[in-house]
Structure formats: C-alpha cells, structure tokens
C-alpha cells in the first residue's frame, strides 16, 4: 500500500499540481486536465534536469541523495504554487482546470464525459476499439516484459543510484569506481526512475520494467489525443479513428529493432524511447497551439512558451543526441513559420526557446574535449 501511495503521489498528484502553473498562463479555451498533466510532467522533468545535472558534474559523493533532496523540496514547492494559482483563479471565477466560460459541444475543450453523452454509436464503438488496442499494449507491457541488452547499463545505473546514492560514479558492468561517462552523464532520465523507486520503495528494476510502461504508454496516447483535438477540431468524429490508427502503428511498427515503435513498446523506460515517443511529438503539439492561425492576446500564451522551454530541457535528460535533433527541428520550423507569418520575430522566439539546448551542448562539448585531452 505504501508503494501505491508513493507512486500516486509522485506520478499523479505532484505533476498534476505542477502543471497548474503553466495552465494558469494560457488561453482559457486551451485548458484541460489532459493538458495540465502533460504540462506538469514536462515541467517536472525540466526541474529534475536543472537540479540533477549540476549534481552529476560537480558533486562527487552522495550526489543522488543530494539531488533528490533538492528536487523533493523544489517540486513540492512548485506543486503548492500551482494549487495557490488555481485557487486564486477559482476565486475570480476562472478556474485553472477548465475554461471559465459557458461551453458548447463544438468547443475544442469540452470534456470527454460531456462529449460522450452526445456521441453517435459509431464513435462509441471506435473509442471502445481504441481502448482495446491500448489495453492490449498495456497487458503485453506488464505480462510480457521485454529485456534489452541496454538494461545492463540503464537499469543498473538506476539501481546503483537507489542502492548506493551516487550517479554515474560506479561502473555498472563491473561495480568499480569510474569517472563520468561523457555519453550518458547528462542524460539523467534513469536517475529520475531511481528517484521514483526511492519515493515508492520499489526496486528500480520493477519501476523500469513495470511502472514506467504503465505510465508512459498512456501518457503518450494522451499527448496524441491532445494533438488530435487540434488537427480534428472541425471534425471531432475523426478523432477516435486517428487514435486507433496511432495505436495500430505502434503495434505493427516493429519492422526493425531501430524503429520508434519498437523502442516505444519494448524499451519504454529508456530515455531515448521517451525522447522519440513523447518529447518530439510534444514539440508539434505546442507549435500547433502557438501557431493556430487565430488572433489572440500574446500574454495569454506565456505558459505555452514556458512549456516549450521545459520540453527542450526534457530532451536533455532523455538523450544527449535528442537535444541536437530538437534544436534542428525548431530551427527548420522557425524558418518555415517565419516565411509563412512574414515575421522575423518568430525565428527569434523559437531561437530563444533553444537557449537551454545551447547551454547543454556547450557543457557536452567541454566534457568531450576534456575527456579527449586528459
């Protein structure tokens, strides 16, 4: 029971409350519980990277314990701030969970329960089919756990952090002390898994192979759902079909060991899988929200820009190469949007959102240079 309470607190309550912070600074029609949960996770992961990477680089002994203590305090403070912001808006008649105006069934932000009441039976069947597809994937992830050769490094690093209280200071293959591994030292997603393991009292291997798939697979589909709401805002009847297609892509995408679908279902707990399945689609989601072609108050989307920065930082804790990939993605997107919008400021805004990526890559280059010439 204590493990369940710990998991619910750190994987449900804390990220949701943190997500209330950016949700209170976006347009009311874009607020929803799904948005808040996703925003909370990206903001939480960004905070974890911001606090943990310096501990990896400059704290030699008990760096995991110290970073965990810092993250515990900061994350709980952020969760409390999110609750206070929501309460402030609630008192003003504009709650942070949903938009504060009267809604109709055609609004993009109508809750699923409200829309379900007026769905046709065809839509209900399609949603049922999607739930079957999702349930099949979750069952396979829990009952037929896949063990990958990379687990000898990633899962062992999580376990070493949980048991020894240090990050990337013990060689996972032999158990001896070692210097920082330039390739992996900045990608601290395995350390977040270790933090969840400590917070719940579960073994890091169980958290990696059981808890993470049951968390990250639904979270990824929640992101696809948010994207689908934007793409099919005028024809919401197509949304369940879109979700079914995305689910089938994941099931039948195992055409090689290198596809994103293979990583998504068989290496769900690895940072590079999270980067490909969750982080990169999150950029498309946020860009669709930011540049939807509608005139709006620029201040109403401050939360989206903050969230875009957090997604950039999340890429860094997942994989070092992901930082480079998302930077190229934003650069190309910014160039195209600059031409479409005929506004050079678009490129400057997206470039400013990549500042954490530049800092991250600068640290990586310095580490690599020092490693080669030591």
Protein backbone atom coordinates (compact mmCIF):
# COMPACT_ATOMS: atom_id res chain seq x y z
CA UNK A 1 0.00 0.00 0.00
CA UNK A 2 2.85 2.39 0.81
CA UNK A 3 4.32 1.77 -2.65
CA UNK A 4 0.99 2.57 -4.32
CA UNK A 5 0.63 5.77 -2.30
CA UNK A 6 4.17 6.80 -3.23
CA UNK A 7 3.55 6.16 -6.91
CA UNK A 8 0.24 8.03 -6.90
CA UNK A 9 1.85 10.98 -5.14
CA UNK A 10 4.97 11.32 -7.32
CA UNK A 11 3.45 10.20 -10.63
CA UNK A 12 -0.02 11.69 -10.25
CA UNK A 13 -0.52 14.37 -7.62
CA UNK A 14 2.80 16.22 -7.91
CA UNK A 15 2.98 16.52 -11.73
CA UNK A 16 -0.70 17.47 -11.97
CA UNK A 17 -0.29 20.23 -9.39
CA UNK A 18 2.89 21.47 -11.07
CA UNK A 19 1.03 21.56 -14.38
CA UNK A 20 -1.39 24.09 -12.90
CA UNK A 21 1.39 26.70 -13.12
CA UNK A 22 1.63 26.97 -16.94
CA UNK A 23 -2.10 26.20 -17.28
CA UNK A 24 -2.90 29.43 -15.46
CA UNK A 25 -0.98 31.43 -18.07
CA UNK A 26 -2.56 30.18 -21.28
CA UNK A 27 -5.76 30.94 -23.12
CA UNK A 28 -8.81 29.61 -21.23
CA UNK A 29 -10.02 27.55 -24.20
CA UNK A 30 -6.79 25.54 -24.19
CA UNK A 31 -7.02 24.40 -20.57
CA UNK A 32 -7.97 20.83 -19.82
CA UNK A 33 -6.98 18.16 -17.28
CA UNK A 34 -5.02 16.35 -20.01
CA UNK A 35 -3.07 19.50 -20.85
CA UNK A 36 -2.34 20.08 -17.16
CA UNK A 37 -1.00 16.56 -16.61
CA UNK A 38 1.26 16.67 -19.67
CA UNK A 39 2.47 20.17 -18.80
CA UNK A 40 3.19 19.03 -15.27
CA UNK A 41 5.35 16.13 -16.41
CA UNK A 42 7.41 18.22 -18.81
CA UNK A 43 7.88 20.94 -16.21
CA UNK A 44 8.75 18.38 -13.54
CA UNK A 45 11.30 16.67 -15.78
CA UNK A 46 12.83 20.05 -16.67
CA UNK A 47 13.19 20.89 -12.97
CA UNK A 48 14.74 17.49 -12.33
CA UNK A 49 17.33 18.00 -15.06
CA UNK A 50 18.09 21.53 -13.86
CA UNK A 51 18.81 20.28 -10.34
CA UNK A 52 20.38 16.91 -11.10
CA UNK A 53 22.84 17.66 -13.90
CA UNK A 54 24.90 20.08 -11.74
CA UNK A 55 24.99 17.42 -9.01
CA UNK A 56 26.29 14.87 -11.53
CA UNK A 57 29.01 17.25 -12.71
CA UNK A 58 30.20 18.88 -9.51
CA UNK A 59 29.14 16.69 -6.57
CA UNK A 60 31.23 13.55 -6.26
CA UNK A 61 29.87 11.80 -3.15
CA UNK A 62 26.20 11.08 -2.47
CA UNK A 63 25.23 13.22 -5.44
CA UNK A 64 21.98 11.30 -6.00
CA UNK A 65 20.87 11.78 -2.41
CA UNK A 66 21.60 15.50 -2.52
CA UNK A 67 19.92 15.98 -5.89
CA UNK A 68 16.89 14.02 -4.70
CA UNK A 69 16.61 16.21 -1.62
CA UNK A 70 16.78 19.37 -3.74
CA UNK A 71 14.22 18.04 -6.21
CA UNK A 72 11.84 16.94 -3.45
CA UNK A 73 11.78 20.42 -1.93
CA UNK A 74 11.52 22.31 -5.24
CA UNK A 75 8.89 20.03 -6.77
CA UNK A 76 6.65 20.20 -3.70
CA UNK A 77 7.02 23.99 -3.61
CA UNK A 78 6.05 24.16 -7.29
CA UNK A 79 3.06 21.90 -6.65
CA UNK A 80 1.92 24.18 -3.83
CA UNK A 81 2.36 27.22 -6.09
CA UNK A 82 0.23 25.54 -8.74
CA UNK A 83 -2.54 24.89 -6.22
CA UNK A 84 -2.40 28.50 -4.98
CA UNK A 85 -2.61 29.84 -8.54
CA UNK A 86 -5.59 27.62 -9.27
CA UNK A 87 -7.29 28.74 -6.06
CA UNK A 88 -6.68 32.39 -6.93
CA UNK A 89 -8.25 31.95 -10.36
CA UNK A 90 -11.08 29.90 -8.89
CA UNK A 91 -11.95 32.74 -6.55
CA UNK A 92 -12.05 35.02 -9.59
CA UNK A 93 -14.47 32.67 -11.36
CA UNK A 94 -11.87 31.42 -13.85
CA UNK A 95 -10.62 28.01 -12.67
CA UNK A 96 -7.31 26.76 -13.99
CA UNK A 97 -8.55 23.27 -14.84
CA UNK A 98 -11.09 24.25 -17.48
CA UNK A 99 -12.15 27.40 -19.22
CA UNK A 100 -14.29 29.65 -17.12
CA UNK A 101 -16.94 30.41 -19.70
CA UNK A 102 -20.00 28.55 -20.82
CA UNK A 103 -19.09 25.89 -23.35
CA UNK A 104 -20.94 24.13 -26.11
CA UNK A 105 -20.37 20.70 -27.58
CA UNK A 106 -18.34 22.04 -30.52
CA UNK A 107 -15.68 23.64 -28.34
CA UNK A 108 -12.28 22.02 -28.53
CA UNK A 109 -12.02 21.93 -24.75
CA UNK A 110 -15.26 20.15 -23.90
CA UNK A 111 -14.56 17.27 -21.54
CA UNK A 112 -14.70 13.71 -22.81
CA UNK A 113 -17.59 12.87 -20.46
CA UNK A 114 -19.69 15.74 -21.82
CA UNK A 115 -18.97 14.75 -25.40
CA UNK A 116 -19.69 11.09 -24.68
CA UNK A 117 -23.30 11.88 -23.86
CA UNK A 118 -23.91 13.18 -27.39
CA UNK A 119 -21.74 10.71 -29.31
CA UNK A 120 -23.16 8.51 -32.02
CA UNK A 121 -22.90 4.77 -31.52
CA UNK A 122 -20.25 4.60 -34.27
CA UNK A 123 -17.98 6.93 -32.32
CA UNK A 124 -18.54 4.96 -29.13
CA UNK A 125 -17.58 1.73 -30.91
CA UNK A 126 -14.43 3.39 -32.27
CA UNK A 127 -13.44 4.61 -28.82
CA UNK A 128 -14.07 1.14 -27.47
CA UNK A 129 -11.79 -0.30 -30.17
CA UNK A 130 -9.08 2.17 -29.22
CA UNK A 131 -9.37 1.18 -25.56
CA UNK A 132 -8.98 -2.46 -26.61
CA UNK A 133 -5.81 -1.56 -28.54
CA UNK A 134 -4.48 0.42 -25.59
CA UNK A 135 -5.42 -2.31 -23.11
CA UNK A 136 -3.66 -4.94 -25.24
CA UNK A 137 -0.46 -2.89 -25.25
CA UNK A 138 -0.60 -2.32 -21.50
CA UNK A 139 -1.23 -6.01 -20.86
CA UNK A 140 1.68 -7.02 -23.06
CA UNK A 141 3.92 -4.45 -21.38
CA UNK A 142 3.05 -5.80 -17.93
CA UNK A 143 2.78 -9.55 -18.62
CA UNK A 144 5.44 -9.95 -21.32
CA UNK A 145 8.19 -7.65 -20.15
CA UNK A 146 10.94 -7.21 -22.72
CA UNK A 147 14.54 -7.32 -21.55
CA UNK A 148 17.02 -5.42 -23.66
CA UNK A 149 20.81 -5.52 -23.70
CA UNK A 150 20.93 -1.83 -22.79
CA UNK A 151 19.31 -2.69 -19.45
CA UNK A 152 22.75 -3.80 -18.29
CA UNK A 153 23.64 -0.10 -18.29
CA UNK A 154 20.48 1.98 -17.86
CA UNK A 155 18.54 -0.10 -15.34
CA UNK A 156 21.72 -0.92 -13.44
CA UNK A 157 22.53 2.79 -13.20
CA UNK A 158 19.07 3.38 -11.74
CA UNK A 159 19.62 0.58 -9.25
CA UNK A 160 23.09 1.86 -8.29
CA UNK A 161 21.64 5.30 -7.64
CA UNK A 162 18.92 3.78 -5.47
CA UNK A 163 21.23 1.49 -3.51
CA UNK A 164 24.49 3.47 -3.35
CA UNK A 165 23.17 7.04 -3.54
CA UNK A 166 25.53 8.10 -6.36
CA UNK A 167 25.02 8.91 -10.03
CA UNK A 168 27.38 7.73 -12.77
CA UNK A 169 30.24 7.17 -10.34
CA UNK A 170 30.15 3.36 -10.32
CA UNK A 171 30.80 1.25 -13.41
CA UNK A 172 27.57 -0.71 -13.94
CA UNK A 173 29.26 -3.61 -15.71
CA UNK A 174 31.89 -4.41 -13.05
CA UNK A 175 30.94 -2.42 -9.96
CA UNK A 176 34.20 -0.49 -9.67
CA UNK A 177 34.52 3.28 -9.36
CA UNK A 178 34.78 5.25 -12.60
CA UNK A 179 34.89 8.77 -13.98
CA UNK A 180 31.98 10.45 -15.69
CA UNK A 181 30.81 8.83 -18.90
CA UNK A 182 30.59 11.70 -21.38
CA UNK A 183 27.97 9.92 -23.45
CA UNK A 184 25.49 9.30 -20.62
CA UNK A 185 26.32 11.68 -17.76
CA UNK A 186 23.96 14.46 -18.88
CA UNK A 187 21.05 12.14 -19.71
CA UNK A 188 19.64 11.71 -16.21
CA UNK A 189 16.31 10.03 -17.02
CA UNK A 190 17.50 6.77 -15.36
CA UNK A 191 18.14 8.84 -12.24
CA UNK A 192 14.54 10.07 -12.24
CA UNK A 193 13.44 6.44 -12.38
CA UNK A 194 15.69 5.81 -9.36
CA UNK A 195 14.03 8.75 -7.61
CA UNK A 196 10.60 7.24 -8.23
CA UNK A 197 11.90 3.91 -6.94
CA UNK A 198 13.15 5.52 -3.73
CA UNK A 199 9.95 7.53 -3.31
CA UNK A 200 7.76 4.45 -3.69
CA UNK A 201 10.03 1.91 -2.00
CA UNK A 202 10.01 -0.36 -5.07
CA UNK A 203 13.04 -1.95 -6.70
CA UNK A 204 14.39 0.16 -9.57
CA UNK A 205 14.07 -2.79 -11.96
CA UNK A 206 10.35 -3.13 -11.16
CA UNK A 207 9.84 0.59 -11.68
CA UNK A 208 11.67 0.45 -15.02
CA UNK A 209 10.03 -2.65 -16.48
CA UNK A 210 6.54 -2.45 -14.98
CA UNK A 211 5.66 1.01 -13.65
CA UNK A 212 7.21 3.06 -16.46
CA UNK A 213 5.40 1.26 -19.33
CA UNK A 214 2.09 1.50 -17.48
CA UNK A 215 2.74 5.23 -17.05
CA UNK A 216 4.48 6.33 -20.25
CA UNK A 217 2.31 4.43 -22.74
CA UNK A 218 -0.97 6.08 -21.60
CA UNK A 219 0.86 9.42 -21.26
CA UNK A 220 2.00 9.17 -24.88
CA UNK A 221 -1.52 8.43 -26.08
CA UNK A 222 -2.78 11.36 -24.02
CA UNK A 223 -0.36 13.53 -26.00
CA UNK A 224 -1.64 12.05 -29.28
CA UNK A 225 -5.17 12.81 -28.08
CA UNK A 226 -4.24 16.44 -27.48
CA UNK A 227 -2.70 16.65 -30.96
CA UNK A 228 -5.77 15.02 -32.48
CA UNK A 229 -8.07 17.54 -30.80
CA UNK A 230 -6.24 20.30 -32.68
CA UNK A 231 -5.97 18.51 -36.03
CA UNK A 232 -9.63 17.47 -36.00
CA UNK A 233 -11.10 20.48 -34.21
CA UNK A 234 -13.67 20.88 -37.01
CA UNK A 235 -14.42 17.15 -37.38
CA UNK A 236 -14.17 15.60 -33.96
CA UNK A 237 -15.83 12.42 -35.23
CA UNK A 238 -12.48 11.54 -36.84
CA UNK A 239 -10.58 11.71 -33.54
CA UNK A 240 -11.24 8.11 -32.38
CA UNK A 241 -10.20 6.79 -35.80
CA UNK A 242 -6.99 8.82 -35.52
CA UNK A 243 -6.27 7.28 -32.11
CA UNK A 244 -6.91 3.76 -33.44
CA UNK A 245 -4.52 4.34 -36.34
CA UNK A 246 -1.83 5.64 -33.98
CA UNK A 247 -2.30 2.57 -31.78
CA UNK A 248 -2.04 0.18 -34.71
CA UNK A 249 1.09 1.96 -35.93
CA UNK A 250 2.68 1.23 -32.56
CA UNK A 251 1.69 -2.45 -32.59
CA UNK A 252 2.76 -3.20 -36.17
CA UNK A 253 5.72 -0.81 -36.36
CA UNK A 254 8.25 -3.43 -35.27
CA UNK A 255 9.73 -3.76 -38.74
CA UNK A 256 13.25 -3.45 -37.31
CA UNK A 257 14.92 -3.04 -33.93
CA UNK A 258 15.54 0.66 -34.66
CA UNK A 259 12.02 1.96 -35.26
CA UNK A 260 10.40 4.36 -32.82
CA UNK A 261 7.53 1.91 -32.36
CA UNK A 262 9.93 -0.84 -31.27
CA UNK A 263 11.51 1.44 -28.70
CA UNK A 264 8.10 2.64 -27.54
CA UNK A 265 6.81 -0.82 -26.62
CA UNK A 266 9.98 -2.77 -25.80
CA UNK A 267 12.26 -0.08 -24.32
CA UNK A 268 9.62 2.23 -22.88
CA UNK A 269 11.68 3.07 -19.78
CA UNK A 270 14.78 4.21 -21.68
CA UNK A 271 15.38 7.91 -22.21
CA UNK A 272 15.86 7.63 -25.96
CA UNK A 273 12.47 5.95 -26.23
CA UNK A 274 10.84 8.79 -24.27
CA UNK A 275 12.60 11.32 -26.50
CA UNK A 276 11.26 9.75 -29.69
CA UNK A 277 7.77 8.84 -28.50
CA UNK A 278 6.90 11.71 -26.17
CA UNK A 279 9.30 14.66 -26.39
CA UNK A 280 9.46 15.17 -30.15
CA UNK A 281 5.65 14.87 -30.64
CA UNK A 282 5.27 17.39 -27.80
CA UNK A 283 7.00 20.00 -29.96
CA UNK A 284 4.42 19.53 -32.71
CA UNK A 285 1.67 19.76 -30.10
CA UNK A 286 2.95 23.05 -28.70
CA UNK A 287 3.68 24.55 -32.11
CA UNK A 288 0.13 23.71 -33.21
CA UNK A 289 -1.17 25.51 -30.12
CA UNK A 290 1.10 28.53 -30.58
CA UNK A 291 0.59 29.00 -34.31
CA UNK A 292 -3.01 28.03 -34.91
CA UNK A 293 -3.71 31.00 -37.17
CA UNK A 294 -6.02 32.70 -34.65
CA UNK A 295 -5.63 36.22 -33.36
CA UNK A 296 -5.07 36.24 -29.62
CA UNK A 297 -3.57 38.08 -26.71
CA UNK A 298 0.15 37.34 -26.72
CA UNK A 299 0.25 37.33 -22.93
CA UNK A 300 -2.32 34.51 -22.91
CA UNK A 301 0.27 32.10 -24.33
CA UNK A 302 3.14 32.77 -21.93
CA UNK A 303 2.54 29.36 -20.38
CA UNK A 304 2.98 27.68 -23.76
CA UNK A 305 6.37 29.32 -24.29
CA UNK A 306 7.47 28.30 -20.81
CA UNK A 307 6.31 24.78 -21.59
CA UNK A 308 8.24 24.80 -24.88
CA UNK A 309 11.41 25.61 -22.94
CA UNK A 310 10.62 22.81 -20.48
CA UNK A 311 10.21 20.32 -23.34
CA UNK A 312 13.60 21.40 -24.67
CA UNK A 313 15.11 20.72 -21.26
CA UNK A 314 13.31 17.39 -21.04
CA UNK A 315 15.00 16.32 -24.27
CA UNK A 316 18.33 16.82 -22.50
CA UNK A 317 17.55 14.49 -19.62
CA UNK A 318 16.35 11.82 -22.06
CA UNK A 319 19.21 11.70 -24.54
CA UNK A 320 22.15 13.90 -25.49
CA UNK A 321 21.52 13.39 -29.20
CA UNK A 322 17.86 14.38 -28.72
CA UNK A 323 18.99 17.92 -27.80
CA UNK A 324 20.63 18.28 -31.20
CA UNK A 325 17.65 16.78 -33.02
CA UNK A 326 15.04 19.01 -31.41
CA UNK A 327 17.22 22.08 -31.99
CA UNK A 328 17.37 21.28 -35.70
CA UNK A 329 13.62 20.65 -35.68
CA UNK A 330 12.86 24.01 -34.10
CA UNK A 331 15.31 25.79 -36.41
CA UNK A 332 13.65 24.37 -39.53
CA UNK A 333 10.18 25.01 -38.14
CA UNK A 334 11.11 28.56 -37.20
CA UNK A 335 12.46 29.26 -40.70
CA UNK A 336 9.27 27.96 -42.35
CA UNK A 337 6.99 29.82 -39.95
CA UNK A 338 8.99 33.00 -40.47
CA UNK A 339 8.25 32.78 -44.19
CA UNK A 340 4.60 31.92 -43.65
CA UNK A 341 3.97 34.55 -40.96
CA UNK A 342 6.29 37.06 -42.65
CA UNK A 343 7.66 37.88 -39.25
CA UNK A 344 11.33 37.56 -38.34
CA UNK A 345 10.39 37.59 -34.65
CA UNK A 346 9.11 34.02 -34.99
CA UNK A 347 12.64 32.77 -35.61
CA UNK A 348 13.95 34.83 -32.70
CA UNK A 349 11.31 33.47 -30.30
CA UNK A 350 11.95 29.84 -31.21
CA UNK A 351 15.68 30.50 -31.07
CA UNK A 352 15.33 31.92 -27.56
CA UNK A 353 13.48 28.75 -26.53
CA UNK A 354 16.58 26.79 -27.59
CA UNK A 355 18.94 28.63 -25.24
CA UNK A 356 18.88 25.72 -22.73
CA UNK A 357 19.86 23.43 -25.60
CA UNK A 358 22.86 25.60 -26.42
CA UNK A 359 23.98 25.57 -22.79
CA UNK A 360 23.53 21.80 -22.67
CA UNK A 361 25.53 21.25 -25.87
CA UNK A 362 28.23 23.62 -24.62
CA UNK A 363 28.64 21.57 -21.44
CA UNK A 364 28.74 18.39 -23.50
CA UNK A 365 31.44 19.76 -25.83
CA UNK A 366 33.58 20.89 -22.86
CA UNK A 367 33.23 17.45 -21.26
CA UNK A 368 34.11 15.68 -24.50
CA UNK A 369 37.11 17.96 -25.10
CA UNK A 370 38.37 17.40 -21.56
CA UNK A 371 37.94 13.64 -21.95
CA UNK A 372 39.91 13.53 -25.20
CA UNK A 373 42.81 15.63 -23.93
CA UNK A 374 43.17 14.47 -20.36
